[in-house]
C-alpha atoms as a PDB file:
ATOM      1  CA  UNK A   1      38.498   9.037   9.110  1.00  0.00           C
ATOM      2  CA  UNK A   2      36.018   8.220  11.836  1.00  0.00           C
ATOM      3  CA  UNK A   3      34.985  11.728  12.844  1.00  0.00           C
ATOM      4  CA  UNK A   4      31.382  12.815  11.676  1.00  0.00           C
ATOM      5  CA  UNK A   5      32.386  16.465  12.061  1.00  0.00           C
ATOM      6  CA  UNK A   6      35.595  16.270  10.045  1.00  0.00           C
ATOM      7  CA  UNK A   7      33.943  14.301   7.386  1.00  0.00           C
ATOM      8  CA  UNK A   8      30.955  16.890   6.938  1.00  0.00           C
ATOM      9  CA  UNK A   9      33.552  19.635   6.780  1.00  0.00           C
ATOM     10  CA  UNK A  10      35.355  18.060   4.136  1.00  0.00           C
ATOM     11  CA  UNK A  11      32.428  16.582   2.235  1.00  0.00           C
ATOM     12  CA  UNK A  12      29.186  18.574   2.760  1.00  0.00           C
ATOM     13  CA  UNK A  13      29.604  21.354   0.013  1.00  0.00           C
ATOM     14  CA  UNK A  14      30.803  19.117  -2.826  1.00  0.00           C
ATOM     15  CA  UNK A  15      28.132  16.567  -2.060  1.00  0.00           C
ATOM     16  CA  UNK A  16      25.356  19.026  -1.874  1.00  0.00           C
ATOM     17  CA  UNK A  17      26.434  20.520  -5.295  1.00  0.00           C
ATOM     18  CA  UNK A  18      26.983  16.933  -7.008  1.00  0.00           C
ATOM     19  CA  UNK A  19      23.434  15.484  -5.627  1.00  0.00           C
ATOM     20  CA  UNK A  20      21.292  18.315  -5.209  1.00  0.00           C
ATOM     21  CA  UNK A  21      19.843  16.600  -2.020  1.00  0.00           C
ATOM     22  CA  UNK A  22      18.785  18.626   0.991  1.00  0.00           C
ATOM     23  CA  UNK A  23      21.116  19.444   3.705  1.00  0.00           C
ATOM     24  CA  UNK A  24      19.530  16.703   6.057  1.00  0.00           C
ATOM     25  CA  UNK A  25      19.856  13.995   3.402  1.00  0.00           C
ATOM     26  CA  UNK A  26      23.657  14.839   2.580  1.00  0.00           C
ATOM     27  CA  UNK A  27      24.405  14.759   6.398  1.00  0.00           C
ATOM     28  CA  UNK A  28      22.531  11.626   6.811  1.00  0.00           C
ATOM     29  CA  UNK A  29      24.536   9.902   3.898  1.00  0.00           C
ATOM     30  CA  UNK A  30      27.844  11.042   5.359  1.00  0.00           C
ATOM     31  CA  UNK A  31      26.935   9.824   8.777  1.00  0.00           C
ATOM     32  CA  UNK A  32      26.020   6.554   7.506  1.00  0.00           C
ATOM     33  CA  UNK A  33      29.345   6.196   5.648  1.00  0.00           C
ATOM     34  CA  UNK A  34      31.257   7.115   8.713  1.00  0.00           C
ATOM     35  CA  UNK A  35      29.376   4.402  10.744  1.00  0.00           C
ATOM     36  CA  UNK A  36      30.575   1.772   8.205  1.00  0.00           C
ATOM     37  CA  UNK A  37      34.120   3.175   8.455  1.00  0.00           C
ATOM     38  CA  UNK A  38      33.969   2.809  12.304  1.00  0.00           C
ATOM     39  CA  UNK A  39      32.788  -0.836  12.127  1.00  0.00           C
ATOM     40  CA  UNK A  40      35.932  -1.822   9.845  1.00  0.00           C
ATOM     41  CA  UNK A  41      38.234   0.233  12.170  1.00  0.00           C
ATOM     42  CA  UNK A  42      36.797  -1.707  15.159  1.00  0.00           C
ATOM     43  CA  UNK A  43      37.292  -4.903  13.338  1.00  0.00           C
ATOM     44  CA  UNK A  44      41.013  -4.180  12.632  1.00  0.00           C
ATOM     45  CA  UNK A  45      41.574  -3.291  16.154  1.00  0.00           C
ATOM     46  CA  UNK A  46      40.139  -6.615  17.175  1.00  0.00           C
ATOM     47  CA  UNK A  47      42.585  -8.388  14.803  1.00  0.00           C
ATOM     48  CA  UNK A  48      39.798  -9.178  12.332  1.00  0.00           C
ATOM     49  CA  UNK A  49      40.002  -8.741   8.550  1.00  0.00           C
ATOM     50  CA  UNK A  50      37.918  -5.967   6.887  1.00  0.00           C
ATOM     51  CA  UNK A  51      37.742  -4.265   3.507  1.00  0.00           C
ATOM     52  CA  UNK A  52      36.532  -0.903   2.207  1.00  0.00           C
ATOM     53  CA  UNK A  53      32.805  -0.700   2.773  1.00  0.00           C
ATOM     54  CA  UNK A  54      30.636  -0.572  -0.414  1.00  0.00           C
ATOM     55  CA  UNK A  55      26.947   0.436  -0.366  1.00  0.00           C
ATOM     56  CA  UNK A  56      25.368  -1.650  -3.599  1.00  0.00           C
ATOM     57  CA  UNK A  57      21.990  -1.484  -2.563  1.00  0.00           C
ATOM     58  CA  UNK A  58      20.164   1.739  -3.372  1.00  0.00           C
ATOM     59  CA  UNK A  59      18.933   3.318  -0.096  1.00  0.00           C
ATOM     60  CA  UNK A  60      18.648   6.470   1.830  1.00  0.00           C
ATOM     61  CA  UNK A  61      17.896   7.386   5.547  1.00  0.00           C
ATOM     62  CA  UNK A  62      14.975   9.556   6.416  1.00  0.00           C
ATOM     63  CA  UNK A  63      14.119  11.385   9.550  1.00  0.00           C
ATOM     64  CA  UNK A  64      11.331  13.632  10.724  1.00  0.00           C
ATOM     65  CA  UNK A  65      13.162  16.603   8.923  1.00  0.00           C
ATOM     66  CA  UNK A  66      13.274  15.076   5.522  1.00  0.00           C
ATOM     67  CA  UNK A  67       9.960  13.081   5.670  1.00  0.00           C
ATOM     68  CA  UNK A  68       6.452  13.355   6.982  1.00  0.00           C
ATOM     69  CA  UNK A  69       5.167   9.870   8.153  1.00  0.00           C
ATOM     70  CA  UNK A  70       1.587   9.012   7.932  1.00  0.00           C
ATOM     71  CA  UNK A  71      -0.212   5.655   8.756  1.00  0.00           C
ATOM     72  CA  UNK A  72      -1.095   5.024   5.080  1.00  0.00           C
ATOM     73  CA  UNK A  73       1.542   6.886   3.196  1.00  0.00           C
ATOM     74  CA  UNK A  74       4.720   9.077   3.619  1.00  0.00           C
ATOM     75  CA  UNK A  75       5.809  12.409   2.057  1.00  0.00           C
ATOM     76  CA  UNK A  76       9.654  12.302   1.116  1.00  0.00           C
ATOM     77  CA  UNK A  77      12.090  14.884   0.327  1.00  0.00           C
ATOM     78  CA  UNK A  78      13.832  14.270  -3.132  1.00  0.00           C
ATOM     79  CA  UNK A  79      15.892  16.133  -5.738  1.00  0.00           C
ATOM     80  CA  UNK A  80      12.741  16.827  -7.456  1.00  0.00           C
ATOM     81  CA  UNK A  81      10.836  18.178  -4.412  1.00  0.00           C
ATOM     82  CA  UNK A  82       8.292  16.301  -2.190  1.00  0.00           C
ATOM     83  CA  UNK A  83       7.149  12.867  -3.416  1.00  0.00           C
ATOM     84  CA  UNK A  84       3.933  11.096  -1.687  1.00  0.00           C
ATOM     85  CA  UNK A  85       4.035   7.510  -1.584  1.00  0.00           C
ATOM     86  CA  UNK A  86       1.090   5.180  -0.363  1.00  0.00           C
ATOM     87  CA  UNK A  87       2.072   2.007   1.571  1.00  0.00           C
ATOM     88  CA  UNK A  88       1.035  -1.333   0.219  1.00  0.00           C
ATOM     89  CA  UNK A  89      -0.669  -2.806   3.343  1.00  0.00           C
ATOM     90  CA  UNK A  90      -2.292  -6.229   3.957  1.00  0.00           C
ATOM     91  CA  UNK A  91      -5.715  -6.700   3.870  1.00  0.00           C
ATOM     92  CA  UNK A  92      -6.117  -7.999   7.348  1.00  0.00           C
ATOM     93  CA  UNK A  93      -3.123  -6.214   9.363  1.00  0.00           C
ATOM     94  CA  UNK A  94      -4.244  -7.526  12.746  1.00  0.00           C
ATOM     95  CA  UNK A  95      -1.585  -9.515  14.747  1.00  0.00           C
ATOM     96  CA  UNK A  96       1.110  -8.367  12.336  1.00  0.00           C
ATOM     97  CA  UNK A  97       3.832  -5.665  12.953  1.00  0.00           C
ATOM     98  CA  UNK A  98       1.684  -3.410  10.666  1.00  0.00           C
ATOM     99  CA  UNK A  99      -1.372  -3.536  12.897  1.00  0.00           C
ATOM    100  CA  UNK A 100       0.858  -3.501  16.164  1.00  0.00           C
ATOM    101  CA  UNK A 101       2.977  -0.671  15.320  1.00  0.00           C
ATOM    102  CA  UNK A 102       2.284   1.277  11.943  1.00  0.00           C
ATOM    103  CA  UNK A 103      -1.522   1.444  12.620  1.00  0.00           C
ATOM    104  CA  UNK A 104      -1.327   1.707  16.242  1.00  0.00           C
ATOM    105  CA  UNK A 105      -1.548   5.354  17.507  1.00  0.00           C
ATOM    106  CA  UNK A 106       0.357   4.327  20.755  1.00  0.00           C
ATOM    107  CA  UNK A 107       3.530   4.196  18.415  1.00  0.00           C
ATOM    108  CA  UNK A 108       5.320   7.060  16.279  1.00  0.00           C
ATOM    109  CA  UNK A 109       7.870   7.015  13.586  1.00  0.00           C
ATOM    110  CA  UNK A 110      11.303   7.900  14.482  1.00  0.00           C
ATOM    111  CA  UNK A 111      13.846   7.090  11.552  1.00  0.00           C
ATOM    112  CA  UNK A 112      13.292   5.087   8.463  1.00  0.00           C
ATOM    113  CA  UNK A 113      15.405   3.582   5.521  1.00  0.00           C
ATOM    114  CA  UNK A 114      14.066   3.717   1.986  1.00  0.00           C
ATOM    115  CA  UNK A 115      15.524   0.960   0.145  1.00  0.00           C
ATOM    116  CA  UNK A 116      15.015   0.111  -3.605  1.00  0.00           C
ATOM    117  CA  UNK A 117      14.940  -3.350  -4.954  1.00  0.00           C
ATOM    118  CA  UNK A 118      16.006  -3.420  -8.467  1.00  0.00           C
ATOM    119  CA  UNK A 119      14.669  -6.812  -9.300  1.00  0.00           C
ATOM    120  CA  UNK A 120      11.038  -6.277  -8.142  1.00  0.00           C
ATOM    121  CA  UNK A 121      11.249  -2.577  -8.943  1.00  0.00           C
ATOM    122  CA  UNK A 122       9.633  -1.687  -5.547  1.00  0.00           C
ATOM    123  CA  UNK A 123      10.434   0.355  -2.571  1.00  0.00           C
ATOM    124  CA  UNK A 124      10.596  -0.807   0.865  1.00  0.00           C
ATOM    125  CA  UNK A 125      10.293   1.660   4.020  1.00  0.00           C
ATOM    126  CA  UNK A 126      12.269   0.083   6.797  1.00  0.00           C
ATOM    127  CA  UNK A 127      10.562   2.080   9.906  1.00  0.00           C
ATOM    128  CA  UNK A 128      11.878   2.510  13.493  1.00  0.00           C
ATOM    129  CA  UNK A 129       9.113   3.345  15.813  1.00  0.00           C
ATOM    130  CA  UNK A 130       8.752   3.997  19.503  1.00  0.00           C
ATOM    131  CA  UNK A 131       6.031   4.157  21.921  1.00  0.00           C
ATOM    132  CA  UNK A 132       4.495   7.674  21.947  1.00  0.00           C
ATOM    133  CA  UNK A 133       5.705   9.719  24.755  1.00  0.00           C
ATOM    134  CA  UNK A 134       8.398   7.483  25.913  1.00  0.00           C
ATOM    135  CA  UNK A 135      12.095   8.792  26.514  1.00  0.00           C
ATOM    136  CA  UNK A 136      14.049   8.812  23.520  1.00  0.00           C
ATOM    137  CA  UNK A 137      17.157   7.912  25.467  1.00  0.00           C
ATOM    138  CA  UNK A 138      15.361   5.352  27.331  1.00  0.00           C
ATOM    139  CA  UNK A 139      16.698   1.704  26.476  1.00  0.00           C
ATOM    140  CA  UNK A 140      15.167  -1.469  28.028  1.00  0.00           C
ATOM    141  CA  UNK A 141      17.587  -3.559  29.989  1.00  0.00           C
ATOM    142  CA  UNK A 142      17.854  -7.377  30.129  1.00  0.00           C
ATOM    143  CA  UNK A 143      16.872  -7.520  33.717  1.00  0.00           C
ATOM    144  CA  UNK A 144      13.935  -5.168  33.476  1.00  0.00           C
ATOM    145  CA  UNK A 145      10.962  -6.010  35.613  1.00  0.00           C
ATOM    146  CA  UNK A 146       8.570  -5.589  32.912  1.00  0.00           C
ATOM    147  CA  UNK A 147      10.643  -7.419  29.971  1.00  0.00           C
ATOM    148  CA  UNK A 148       8.015 -10.110  29.751  1.00  0.00           C
ATOM    149  CA  UNK A 149       5.453  -7.597  28.687  1.00  0.00           C
ATOM    150  CA  UNK A 150       7.570  -6.272  25.778  1.00  0.00           C
ATOM    151  CA  UNK A 151       7.156  -7.492  22.275  1.00  0.00           C
ATOM    152  CA  UNK A 152      10.282  -8.719  20.959  1.00  0.00           C
ATOM    153  CA  UNK A 153      10.593  -8.492  17.088  1.00  0.00           C
ATOM    154  CA  UNK A 154      14.339  -9.956  17.019  1.00  0.00           C
ATOM    155  CA  UNK A 155      17.818  -9.267  17.472  1.00  0.00           C
ATOM    156  CA  UNK A 156      20.551 -10.899  15.586  1.00  0.00           C
ATOM    157  CA  UNK A 157      23.882 -11.678  17.646  1.00  0.00           C
ATOM    158  CA  UNK A 158      25.306 -13.935  15.003  1.00  0.00           C
ATOM    159  CA  UNK A 159      24.979 -16.736  17.428  1.00  0.00           C
ATOM    160  CA  UNK A 160      26.579 -19.986  16.187  1.00  0.00           C
ATOM    161  CA  UNK A 161      27.806 -18.270  13.088  1.00  0.00           C
ATOM    162  CA  UNK A 162      24.195 -17.748  11.573  1.00  0.00           C
ATOM    163  CA  UNK A 163      23.701 -15.276   9.015  1.00  0.00           C
ATOM    164  CA  UNK A 164      20.305 -13.954  10.504  1.00  0.00           C
ATOM    165  CA  UNK A 165      17.847 -14.728  13.411  1.00  0.00           C
ATOM    166  CA  UNK A 166      14.120 -14.283  12.748  1.00  0.00           C
ATOM    167  CA  UNK A 167      11.808 -12.934  15.425  1.00  0.00           C
ATOM    168  CA  UNK A 168      10.448 -16.368  16.056  1.00  0.00           C
ATOM    169  CA  UNK A 169      14.077 -17.450  17.138  1.00  0.00           C
ATOM    170  CA  UNK A 170      14.875 -19.423  14.013  1.00  0.00           C
ATOM    171  CA  UNK A 171      18.574 -19.457  12.665  1.00  0.00           C
ATOM    172  CA  UNK A 172      19.220 -18.887   8.967  1.00  0.00           C
ATOM    173  CA  UNK A 173      22.171 -19.171   6.840  1.00  0.00           C
ATOM    174  CA  UNK A 174      25.863 -19.564   7.521  1.00  0.00           C
ATOM    175  CA  UNK A 175      27.737 -16.419   8.225  1.00  0.00           C
ATOM    176  CA  UNK A 176      31.177 -17.892   7.384  1.00  0.00           C
ATOM    177  CA  UNK A 177      30.064 -18.979   3.960  1.00  0.00           C
ATOM    178  CA  UNK A 178      28.432 -15.681   3.355  1.00  0.00           C
ATOM    179  CA  UNK A 179      31.721 -13.826   4.150  1.00  0.00           C
ATOM    180  CA  UNK A 180      33.694 -16.165   2.059  1.00  0.00           C
ATOM    181  CA  UNK A 181      31.494 -15.582  -1.086  1.00  0.00           C
ATOM    182  CA  UNK A 182      31.669 -11.726  -0.180  1.00  0.00           C
ATOM    183  CA  UNK A 183      35.425 -11.807  -0.389  1.00  0.00           C
ATOM    184  CA  UNK A 184      35.460 -13.884  -3.685  1.00  0.00           C
ATOM    185  CA  UNK A 185      33.020 -11.341  -5.042  1.00  0.00           C
ATOM    186  CA  UNK A 186      35.482  -8.393  -3.973  1.00  0.00           C
ATOM    187  CA  UNK A 187      38.392 -10.164  -5.329  1.00  0.00           C
ATOM    188  CA  UNK A 188      36.803 -10.595  -8.872  1.00  0.00           C
ATOM    189  CA  UNK A 189      35.420  -6.999  -8.647  1.00  0.00           C
ATOM    190  CA  UNK A 190      38.968  -5.615  -8.133  1.00  0.00           C
ATOM    191  CA  UNK A 191      40.415  -7.418 -11.024  1.00  0.00           C
ATOM    192  CA  UNK A 192      37.411  -6.063 -13.367  1.00  0.00           C
ATOM    193  CA  UNK A 193      37.994  -2.450 -12.068  1.00  0.00           C
ATOM    194  CA  UNK A 194      41.682  -2.670 -12.958  1.00  0.00           C
ATOM    195  CA  UNK A 195      40.443  -3.593 -16.611  1.00  0.00           C
ATOM    196  CA  UNK A 196      38.512  -0.291 -16.788  1.00  0.00           C
ATOM    197  CA  UNK A 197      36.524  -1.368 -19.876  1.00  0.00           C
ATOM    198  CA  UNK A 198      33.025  -0.964 -20.655  1.00  0.00           C
ATOM    199  CA  UNK A 199      32.595  -4.572 -20.649  1.00  0.00           C
ATOM    200  CA  UNK A 200      34.146  -4.773 -17.504  1.00  0.00           C
ATOM    201  CA  UNK A 201      31.843  -2.342 -15.972  1.00  0.00           C
ATOM    202  CA  UNK A 202      28.739  -3.953 -17.152  1.00  0.00           C
ATOM    203  CA  UNK A 203      29.968  -7.251 -15.693  1.00  0.00           C
ATOM    204  CA  UNK A 204      30.647  -5.673 -12.381  1.00  0.00           C
ATOM    205  CA  UNK A 205      27.027  -4.381 -12.318  1.00  0.00           C
ATOM    206  CA  UNK A 206      25.762  -7.812 -13.162  1.00  0.00           C
ATOM    207  CA  UNK A 207      27.963  -9.099 -10.389  1.00  0.00           C
ATOM    208  CA  UNK A 208      26.668  -6.680  -7.900  1.00  0.00           C
ATOM    209  CA  UNK A 209      23.144  -7.603  -8.607  1.00  0.00           C
ATOM    210  CA  UNK A 210      24.248 -11.323  -7.898  1.00  0.00           C
ATOM    211  CA  UNK A 211      25.828 -10.335  -4.861  1.00  0.00           C
ATOM    212  CA  UNK A 212      22.860  -8.399  -3.639  1.00  0.00           C
ATOM    213  CA  UNK A 213      20.382 -11.308  -4.403  1.00  0.00           C
END
């Protein structure tokens, strides 16, 4: 299913009851899953291989209806009501994305993803920001006359099979190797799930942690 409307009609009420999340957060979760399904369907149409999407990392999408963003903290909607969290900021934010965007009144928050790292037991807020007063639908084009004045943080186009591209133009990792390891994890996980034992469940969790790292 790739229709957000059909998915929400089928899942919304049940997920509200099971998770006790607010309406906005449930809708965001459904839409995020549908986007992952759409990506897989697109790969199949292009003759590429794909598999059922799995969200192993603990994360949730927030917008201005479910979060109140400030320059030094954020107020988040949770199943236990509103929770306020302070940001951990560098002592000298100048010439960093923190100073250029977060602490810059010329930019405002749009949508953010809160991600939990189990190993460091830390939360990370991945914030999307835009220039204050800019048209939300406006998208810069490659031949824009003022392109040279824009600050580019980085776009991963999977050039030369790299896993990621940094904002400074460095290519990191090998996408083919990463995909191969991911398929091996999936194959092993499928075998363990068929066993259905507690030991297999614990092994799957441990394997998910390794894959996440």
